[in-house]
């Protein structure tokens, strides 16, 4: 398993290329919660998500061939890899599935990446990217299952602890598990780490039940960012030791969190970025009164027009 030394090394390696994202301590009773909530605003990172941390650490830790780098992604990891590649002067070949949000695909192209839209989900894009990598020899930047990527994402935890050192619990959205794996490796049991997954993409919850990574059929409104069929083997070894719980939230709670972040805090989060807060809003995670709860708002690649609630949602703007 990666540890704090790996994450410290990653923090030094990527320091000149990533932003230190701010936190926001909310007022008592915010979002109707009994907890004292602190938001970690990773949606303000380059590319609109936490992903550049892992992408930069992977690329800077390796020798990049003439063919450049290659990645499969639901969108955010691809954007991060394309951004890192452009910054460091490399070509980027990005594979995304058909479910990727148009705003993410457009961003990839704007960053100068070669974009291939293939298959119905992340797994299909991953398989296609692996075939291309075998042909070209490009450096593979995996979305979550590489030590360097995990260590890079772990710098979110390192940063969060420095900014809010007295947290009792940190809620983290989980897809393939790179973010929560890195954060859990950093805290190492000093803080309760809770995984939050959509009910329809419960890859870590099912893995913990089975005692090993198992395949699920991903779906739901956050599938483009949290829709991994199976969590990474590397993060699973961390999760089974350092993740306290895995809770599931319905799409309705994710949507409610997304709208609440926009209405109350003026944060434009994508569904996956709002999922962790959804656990507080729907009661999937019920904190004790006064508990200090950190919530990682991990992505903001969203069409602003989608933040206007439909009348049937019963949500006041």
Protein backbone atom coordinates (compact mmCIF):
# COMPACT_ATOMS: atom_id res chain seq x y z
CA UNK A 1 0.00 0.00 0.00
CA UNK A 2 1.08 3.57 -0.59
CA UNK A 3 1.69 5.57 2.57
CA UNK A 4 2.27 9.06 3.86
CA UNK A 5 5.85 9.16 2.53
CA UNK A 6 4.59 8.48 -1.01
CA UNK A 7 1.99 11.22 -0.67
CA UNK A 8 4.53 13.68 0.74
CA UNK A 9 6.80 12.94 -2.23
CA UNK A 10 3.88 13.43 -4.62
CA UNK A 11 3.02 16.77 -3.00
CA UNK A 12 6.55 18.04 -3.61
CA UNK A 13 6.62 16.68 -7.16
CA UNK A 14 3.38 18.32 -8.29
CA UNK A 15 3.49 21.48 -6.18
CA UNK A 16 4.23 23.83 -9.08
CA UNK A 17 1.45 22.41 -11.24
CA UNK A 18 -1.64 22.17 -9.03
CA UNK A 19 -3.73 24.55 -6.95
CA UNK A 20 -4.09 24.45 -3.20
CA UNK A 21 -7.88 24.41 -3.15
CA UNK A 22 -9.74 26.25 -0.37
CA UNK A 23 -12.08 24.96 2.28
CA UNK A 24 -15.37 26.49 3.40
CA UNK A 25 -16.56 26.09 6.98
CA UNK A 26 -20.33 26.33 7.01
CA UNK A 27 -22.53 27.84 9.66
CA UNK A 28 -24.18 25.62 12.31
CA UNK A 29 -27.25 23.91 10.88
CA UNK A 30 -26.17 24.33 7.25
CA UNK A 31 -28.07 21.97 4.96
CA UNK A 32 -30.13 20.96 8.00
CA UNK A 33 -27.28 18.90 9.42
CA UNK A 34 -26.39 18.47 13.08
CA UNK A 35 -22.73 18.34 12.06
CA UNK A 36 -20.26 21.17 11.68
CA UNK A 37 -19.60 20.84 7.96
CA UNK A 38 -16.38 21.81 6.20
CA UNK A 39 -16.33 21.62 2.40
CA UNK A 40 -13.10 20.89 0.53
CA UNK A 41 -13.50 22.65 -2.79
CA UNK A 42 -11.64 20.37 -5.19
CA UNK A 43 -13.98 21.45 -7.97
CA UNK A 44 -11.79 24.58 -8.12
CA UNK A 45 -8.75 22.52 -9.13
CA UNK A 46 -7.35 22.81 -12.66
CA UNK A 47 -9.69 21.05 -15.05
CA UNK A 48 -12.61 21.21 -12.61
CA UNK A 49 -11.77 18.19 -10.45
CA UNK A 50 -9.16 16.64 -8.16
CA UNK A 51 -7.81 14.52 -11.00
CA UNK A 52 -4.77 16.62 -12.07
CA UNK A 53 -3.04 15.67 -8.82
CA UNK A 54 -2.78 12.03 -9.83
CA UNK A 55 -2.19 12.74 -13.52
CA UNK A 56 0.74 15.09 -12.87
CA UNK A 57 2.29 12.72 -10.33
CA UNK A 58 2.08 9.77 -12.72
CA UNK A 59 3.54 11.66 -15.69
CA UNK A 60 6.28 13.38 -13.67
CA UNK A 61 7.29 10.04 -12.14
CA UNK A 62 7.90 8.37 -15.51
CA UNK A 63 9.78 8.72 -18.77
CA UNK A 64 7.24 9.79 -21.35
CA UNK A 65 7.81 8.28 -24.83
CA UNK A 66 7.45 10.18 -28.08
CA UNK A 67 3.90 8.83 -28.41
CA UNK A 68 2.93 10.81 -25.31
CA UNK A 69 0.35 9.70 -22.78
CA UNK A 70 -2.90 7.79 -23.02
CA UNK A 71 -5.86 7.47 -20.68
CA UNK A 72 -9.41 6.19 -20.46
CA UNK A 73 -11.91 8.25 -18.56
CA UNK A 74 -15.52 9.15 -17.99
CA UNK A 75 -14.34 12.69 -18.61
CA UNK A 76 -12.63 14.28 -15.60
CA UNK A 77 -9.51 12.10 -15.59
CA UNK A 78 -9.18 12.62 -19.31
CA UNK A 79 -9.36 16.38 -18.86
CA UNK A 80 -6.74 16.19 -16.13
CA UNK A 81 -4.42 14.03 -18.21
CA UNK A 82 -4.83 16.26 -21.25
CA UNK A 83 -4.16 19.35 -19.12
CA UNK A 84 -1.07 17.81 -17.53
CA UNK A 85 0.21 16.61 -20.90
CA UNK A 86 -0.25 20.01 -22.50
CA UNK A 87 1.45 21.72 -19.55
CA UNK A 88 4.43 19.35 -19.75
CA UNK A 89 4.66 19.35 -23.55
CA UNK A 90 3.36 15.87 -24.37
CA UNK A 91 0.68 14.56 -26.72
CA UNK A 92 -2.46 13.09 -25.12
CA UNK A 93 -4.69 10.32 -26.46
CA UNK A 94 -7.95 10.13 -24.49
CA UNK A 95 -10.71 7.51 -24.71
CA UNK A 96 -14.15 8.28 -23.26
CA UNK A 97 -17.46 6.39 -23.35
CA UNK A 98 -20.67 7.54 -24.96
CA UNK A 99 -22.12 8.54 -21.57
CA UNK A 100 -19.50 11.25 -21.08
CA UNK A 101 -21.04 14.68 -20.65
CA UNK A 102 -20.74 16.80 -23.81
CA UNK A 103 -19.19 19.62 -21.79
CA UNK A 104 -16.37 17.28 -20.78
CA UNK A 105 -15.74 16.04 -24.31
CA UNK A 106 -15.66 19.63 -25.54
CA UNK A 107 -13.15 20.53 -22.84
CA UNK A 108 -10.92 17.62 -23.85
CA UNK A 109 -10.84 18.79 -27.43
CA UNK A 110 -10.14 22.37 -26.36
CA UNK A 111 -7.08 21.09 -24.49
CA UNK A 112 -5.71 19.65 -27.72
CA UNK A 113 -6.17 15.97 -26.90
CA UNK A 114 -6.92 13.33 -29.50
CA UNK A 115 -10.36 12.16 -28.36
CA UNK A 116 -11.98 8.80 -29.15
CA UNK A 117 -15.58 8.24 -28.02
CA UNK A 118 -16.11 4.49 -27.78
CA UNK A 119 -18.45 2.11 -25.97
CA UNK A 120 -21.23 2.62 -23.50
CA UNK A 121 -19.21 2.91 -20.27
CA UNK A 122 -15.76 3.46 -18.79
CA UNK A 123 -14.76 -0.20 -19.06
CA UNK A 124 -15.28 -0.16 -22.82
CA UNK A 125 -13.17 2.98 -23.12
CA UNK A 126 -10.47 1.40 -20.95
CA UNK A 127 -10.28 -1.69 -23.13
CA UNK A 128 -10.03 0.42 -26.28
CA UNK A 129 -7.31 2.59 -24.76
CA UNK A 130 -5.31 -0.49 -23.73
CA UNK A 131 -5.38 -1.74 -27.32
CA UNK A 132 -4.17 1.63 -28.60
CA UNK A 133 -1.43 1.81 -25.96
CA UNK A 134 -0.14 -1.60 -27.03
CA UNK A 135 0.19 -0.24 -30.57
CA UNK A 136 1.76 3.12 -29.81
CA UNK A 137 3.73 2.55 -26.61
CA UNK A 138 2.24 5.68 -25.02
CA UNK A 139 2.52 6.07 -21.25
CA UNK A 140 -0.67 4.80 -19.62
CA UNK A 141 -2.15 7.12 -17.01
CA UNK A 142 -4.79 5.01 -15.29
CA UNK A 143 -7.79 6.77 -13.80
CA UNK A 144 -7.33 5.19 -10.36
CA UNK A 145 -5.36 1.92 -10.24
CA UNK A 146 -1.72 3.08 -10.21
CA UNK A 147 0.42 3.86 -7.18
CA UNK A 148 1.48 7.25 -8.56
CA UNK A 149 -2.14 8.22 -9.24
CA UNK A 150 -3.24 7.14 -5.76
CA UNK A 151 -0.40 9.08 -4.15
CA UNK A 152 -1.27 12.17 -6.15
CA UNK A 153 -4.91 12.00 -5.11
CA UNK A 154 -3.76 11.48 -1.54
CA UNK A 155 -2.49 15.06 -1.53
CA UNK A 156 -6.15 16.09 -1.18
CA UNK A 157 -6.15 14.45 2.26
CA UNK A 158 -2.81 15.97 3.16
CA UNK A 159 -4.06 19.41 2.24
CA UNK A 160 -7.44 18.97 3.93
CA UNK A 161 -5.91 17.88 7.21
CA UNK A 162 -3.63 20.92 7.24
CA UNK A 163 -6.59 23.22 6.58
CA UNK A 164 -9.07 21.51 8.94
CA UNK A 165 -7.02 19.50 11.45
CA UNK A 166 -9.82 18.59 13.85
CA UNK A 167 -12.20 16.69 11.57
CA UNK A 168 -13.88 13.59 12.96
CA UNK A 169 -15.12 12.25 9.62
CA UNK A 170 -14.45 12.84 5.94
CA UNK A 171 -17.07 11.92 3.33
CA UNK A 172 -15.61 11.07 -0.09
CA UNK A 173 -17.38 10.07 -3.29
CA UNK A 174 -16.11 6.82 -4.76
CA UNK A 175 -16.06 5.50 -8.31
CA UNK A 176 -12.93 3.50 -9.09
CA UNK A 177 -11.56 4.59 -5.73
CA UNK A 178 -8.47 6.64 -6.51
CA UNK A 179 -9.55 9.66 -4.47
CA UNK A 180 -10.79 7.84 -1.39
CA UNK A 181 -7.87 5.40 -1.56
CA UNK A 182 -5.38 8.23 -1.54
CA UNK A 183 -7.19 10.17 1.20
CA UNK A 184 -7.56 7.06 3.38
CA UNK A 185 -3.87 6.26 2.93
CA UNK A 186 -2.97 9.76 4.12
CA UNK A 187 -5.15 9.74 7.23
CA UNK A 188 -4.20 6.16 8.08
CA UNK A 189 -7.00 5.74 10.62
CA UNK A 190 -6.59 9.12 12.34
CA UNK A 191 -9.96 10.23 10.96
CA UNK A 192 -13.09 8.28 10.02
CA UNK A 193 -13.21 7.95 6.21
CA UNK A 194 -16.63 7.19 4.74
CA UNK A 195 -17.16 6.19 1.12
CA UNK A 196 -20.23 7.58 -0.64
CA UNK A 197 -21.45 5.84 -3.79
CA UNK A 198 -24.58 6.05 -5.91
CA UNK A 199 -26.95 3.18 -5.27
CA UNK A 200 -26.61 2.22 -8.93
CA UNK A 201 -22.79 2.27 -8.95
CA UNK A 202 -21.87 0.58 -5.67
CA UNK A 203 -18.49 -0.89 -6.63
CA UNK A 204 -16.70 -0.38 -3.28
CA UNK A 205 -19.68 -1.35 -1.11
CA UNK A 206 -20.04 -4.62 -3.02
CA UNK A 207 -16.28 -5.24 -2.91
CA UNK A 208 -16.18 -4.81 0.86
CA UNK A 209 -19.11 -7.20 1.22
CA UNK A 210 -17.42 -9.80 -0.99
CA UNK A 211 -13.94 -9.33 0.43
CA UNK A 212 -12.51 -8.59 -3.03
CA UNK A 213 -13.19 -6.28 -5.98
CA UNK A 214 -16.23 -7.51 -7.91
CA UNK A 215 -17.97 -6.21 -11.00
CA UNK A 216 -21.18 -4.19 -10.80
CA UNK A 217 -23.36 -2.72 -13.53
CA UNK A 218 -22.91 1.06 -13.19
CA UNK A 219 -25.70 3.53 -13.84
CA UNK A 220 -27.37 6.67 -12.60
CA UNK A 221 -26.85 10.40 -12.95
CA UNK A 222 -23.23 10.29 -11.76
CA UNK A 223 -22.15 7.36 -13.94
CA UNK A 224 -19.77 9.43 -16.06
CA UNK A 225 -17.59 10.18 -13.03
CA UNK A 226 -18.47 7.45 -10.49
CA UNK A 227 -19.45 4.63 -12.82
CA UNK A 228 -16.56 2.18 -12.52
CA UNK A 229 -17.56 -1.46 -12.90
CA UNK A 230 -14.94 -2.49 -10.34
CA UNK A 231 -12.78 -0.65 -7.82
CA UNK A 232 -9.03 -0.73 -8.23
CA UNK A 233 -7.09 -3.55 -6.64
CA UNK A 234 -4.58 -1.12 -5.14
CA UNK A 235 -7.17 1.09 -3.45
CA UNK A 236 -9.12 -1.93 -2.18
CA UNK A 237 -6.22 -3.00 0.04
CA UNK A 238 -6.24 0.49 1.53
CA UNK A 239 -10.03 0.62 1.86
CA UNK A 240 -10.35 -2.66 3.70
CA UNK A 241 -8.03 -1.26 6.39
CA UNK A 242 -8.75 2.47 6.49
CA UNK A 243 -12.28 3.09 5.13
CA UNK A 244 -14.72 2.92 8.03
CA UNK A 245 -17.97 2.62 6.08
CA UNK A 246 -19.37 2.57 2.57
CA UNK A 247 -22.79 4.21 2.25
CA UNK A 248 -25.09 4.39 -0.75
CA UNK A 249 -27.18 7.34 -1.92
CA UNK A 250 -30.03 7.47 -4.45
CA UNK A 251 -29.87 9.65 -7.52
CA UNK A 252 -32.52 11.92 -5.98
CA UNK A 253 -30.20 12.72 -3.05
CA UNK A 254 -27.30 13.46 -5.39
CA UNK A 255 -29.47 15.80 -7.42
CA UNK A 256 -30.75 17.48 -4.25
CA UNK A 257 -27.15 18.01 -3.07
CA UNK A 258 -26.18 19.43 -6.44
CA UNK A 259 -29.04 21.93 -6.32
CA UNK A 260 -28.40 22.77 -2.66
CA UNK A 261 -24.74 23.53 -3.32
CA UNK A 262 -25.78 25.93 -6.06
CA UNK A 263 -28.64 27.56 -4.15
CA UNK A 264 -26.95 27.95 -0.76
CA UNK A 265 -23.22 28.22 -1.54
CA UNK A 266 -23.18 29.14 -5.24
CA UNK A 267 -21.01 26.14 -6.07
CA UNK A 268 -21.63 24.57 -9.46
CA UNK A 269 -20.91 20.89 -8.80
CA UNK A 270 -21.48 18.01 -11.18
CA UNK A 271 -23.49 15.04 -9.83
CA UNK A 272 -20.38 13.07 -8.86
CA UNK A 273 -18.95 16.13 -7.16
CA UNK A 274 -22.10 16.55 -5.07
CA UNK A 275 -22.53 12.88 -4.15
CA UNK A 276 -20.65 13.06 -0.84
CA UNK A 277 -22.91 15.84 0.42
CA UNK A 278 -25.89 13.78 -0.70
CA UNK A 279 -25.08 11.29 2.07
CA UNK A 280 -25.69 14.00 4.67
CA UNK A 281 -28.85 15.30 3.04
CA UNK A 282 -30.58 11.92 2.76
CA UNK A 283 -29.38 10.45 6.06
CA UNK A 284 -27.20 7.73 4.53
CA UNK A 285 -24.61 9.14 6.91
CA UNK A 286 -26.09 10.52 10.16
CA UNK A 287 -23.52 12.48 12.17
CA UNK A 288 -23.69 13.08 15.88
CA UNK A 289 -24.55 16.56 17.07
CA UNK A 290 -21.48 18.75 16.77
CA UNK A 291 -19.47 16.19 14.82
CA UNK A 292 -16.93 17.83 12.55
CA UNK A 293 -17.56 16.42 9.08
CA UNK A 294 -15.44 17.15 6.05
CA UNK A 295 -17.08 16.80 2.65
CA UNK A 296 -14.98 16.66 -0.50
CA UNK A 297 -16.76 18.45 -3.35
CA UNK A 298 -14.66 16.76 -5.99
CA UNK A 299 -15.90 17.89 -9.41
CA UNK A 300 -17.48 20.86 -11.14
CA UNK A 301 -17.60 19.99 -14.84
CA UNK A 302 -21.27 20.72 -15.29
CA UNK A 303 -23.46 22.62 -17.72
CA UNK A 304 -24.72 25.61 -15.66
CA UNK A 305 -28.14 25.28 -17.30
CA UNK A 306 -28.58 21.93 -15.54
CA UNK A 307 -28.60 23.72 -12.16
CA UNK A 308 -32.03 25.22 -12.83
CA UNK A 309 -34.45 22.90 -10.99
CA UNK A 310 -37.41 21.53 -12.90
CA UNK A 311 -40.83 22.31 -11.38
CA UNK A 312 -41.41 18.66 -10.55
CA UNK A 313 -38.25 18.60 -8.43
CA UNK A 314 -39.95 20.83 -5.86
CA UNK A 315 -36.73 22.73 -5.20
CA UNK A 316 -36.79 26.48 -4.68
CA UNK A 317 -33.97 28.31 -6.50
